[in-house]
């Protein structure tokens, strides 16, 4: 697979729906529609994302409500320091967009 610009894209992405958060459907009026951050397994989640990347995966699926935004922090920690491109697909208010989210630090 390739991006529109011709860069290689691994055919299976990393889904992050339950990374860094949990879902509380008992309170539909809660902030972020029931999504809540969860810090209990953050280290294991960062390691799992890094492991997937080390095996060749290079795109990550995220959304603004995953983990009440904490999922993006977990993904940021996992890709921190990488020099090869990682593509993040974000869903923001039902609008999809993709960006390269690699840091070089």
Protein backbone atom coordinates (compact mmCIF):
# COMPACT_ATOMS: atom_id res chain seq x y z
CA UNK A 1 0.00 0.00 0.00
CA UNK A 2 1.03 3.61 -0.52
CA UNK A 3 0.05 7.07 0.60
CA UNK A 4 -1.24 9.51 -2.02
CA UNK A 5 2.30 10.87 -2.26
CA UNK A 6 3.68 7.37 -2.98
CA UNK A 7 5.22 6.59 0.41
CA UNK A 8 5.03 2.98 1.61
CA UNK A 9 2.17 2.27 4.02
CA UNK A 10 1.94 -0.98 5.99
CA UNK A 11 -1.38 -2.68 5.09
CA UNK A 12 -2.49 -3.06 8.73
CA UNK A 13 -2.66 -0.06 11.06
CA UNK A 14 -2.49 0.19 14.82
CA UNK A 15 -5.94 0.79 16.30
CA UNK A 16 -5.99 2.83 19.51
CA UNK A 17 -9.68 2.87 20.48
CA UNK A 18 -9.07 1.52 23.99
CA UNK A 19 -5.47 2.73 24.46
CA UNK A 20 -5.06 5.21 27.29
CA UNK A 21 -8.70 5.25 28.15
CA UNK A 22 -11.88 3.50 29.02
CA UNK A 23 -15.51 3.91 28.08
CA UNK A 24 -18.20 4.72 30.63
CA UNK A 25 -21.50 4.31 28.84
CA UNK A 26 -23.41 4.74 32.12
CA UNK A 27 -23.03 8.52 31.92
CA UNK A 28 -23.93 9.74 28.42
CA UNK A 29 -23.83 13.35 29.62
CA UNK A 30 -20.22 13.02 30.79
CA UNK A 31 -17.51 15.14 29.24
CA UNK A 32 -16.19 13.54 26.02
CA UNK A 33 -19.39 11.44 25.67
CA UNK A 34 -18.30 8.85 28.26
CA UNK A 35 -14.64 8.48 27.29
CA UNK A 36 -12.35 8.67 30.29
CA UNK A 37 -8.55 8.64 30.51
CA UNK A 38 -6.95 5.60 32.13
CA UNK A 39 -3.34 5.77 33.25
CA UNK A 40 -3.08 2.24 34.73
CA UNK A 41 -1.54 0.49 31.71
CA UNK A 42 0.19 3.38 29.94
CA UNK A 43 3.69 1.84 30.04
CA UNK A 44 2.46 -1.44 28.51
CA UNK A 45 0.50 0.46 25.85
CA UNK A 46 3.53 2.53 24.84
CA UNK A 47 5.61 -0.66 24.63
CA UNK A 48 2.92 -2.40 22.54
CA UNK A 49 2.80 0.47 20.03
CA UNK A 50 6.61 0.57 19.83
CA UNK A 51 6.70 -3.20 19.29
CA UNK A 52 4.20 -2.92 16.42
CA UNK A 53 6.26 -0.15 14.85
CA UNK A 54 9.44 -2.24 15.21
CA UNK A 55 7.70 -4.97 13.17
CA UNK A 56 7.02 -2.57 10.29
CA UNK A 57 3.68 -0.96 11.06
CA UNK A 58 3.75 2.72 10.22
CA UNK A 59 0.25 4.10 10.61
CA UNK A 60 -1.86 4.66 13.70
CA UNK A 61 -5.60 5.21 13.90
CA UNK A 62 -6.68 7.76 16.53
CA UNK A 63 -9.71 9.91 17.28
CA UNK A 64 -10.30 12.95 19.42
CA UNK A 65 -12.52 11.12 21.91
CA UNK A 66 -10.30 8.07 22.41
CA UNK A 67 -9.27 8.09 26.06
CA UNK A 68 -10.60 11.64 26.45
CA UNK A 69 -7.54 12.83 24.49
CA UNK A 70 -5.13 10.79 26.65
CA UNK A 71 -4.72 8.28 23.81
CA UNK A 72 -2.93 10.97 21.77
CA UNK A 73 -0.50 11.46 24.67
CA UNK A 74 0.23 7.71 24.80
CA UNK A 75 0.80 7.62 21.03
CA UNK A 76 3.06 10.68 21.33
CA UNK A 77 5.20 8.92 23.94
CA UNK A 78 5.38 5.80 21.79
CA UNK A 79 6.60 7.62 18.67
CA UNK A 80 8.84 10.11 20.47
CA UNK A 81 12.35 9.95 19.08
CA UNK A 82 11.51 7.97 15.96
CA UNK A 83 13.13 9.16 12.77
CA UNK A 84 11.10 7.21 10.22
CA UNK A 85 7.66 8.47 9.18
CA UNK A 86 4.64 7.31 11.15
CA UNK A 87 1.25 8.27 9.75
CA UNK A 88 -1.57 9.10 12.13
CA UNK A 89 -5.16 8.98 10.99
CA UNK A 90 -7.32 11.23 13.16
CA UNK A 91 -11.07 11.55 13.31
CA UNK A 92 -12.00 15.05 14.45
CA UNK A 93 -15.71 15.79 14.76
CA UNK A 94 -16.47 13.14 12.12
CA UNK A 95 -13.92 14.58 9.69
CA UNK A 96 -11.02 12.32 8.78
CA UNK A 97 -7.52 13.47 8.00
CA UNK A 98 -4.09 11.95 7.95
CA UNK A 99 -0.79 13.49 8.88
CA UNK A 100 2.80 12.43 9.41
CA UNK A 101 3.37 12.52 13.14
CA UNK A 102 7.00 11.48 13.58
CA UNK A 103 9.21 13.47 15.90
CA UNK A 104 12.96 13.66 15.47
CA UNK A 105 13.83 14.39 19.09
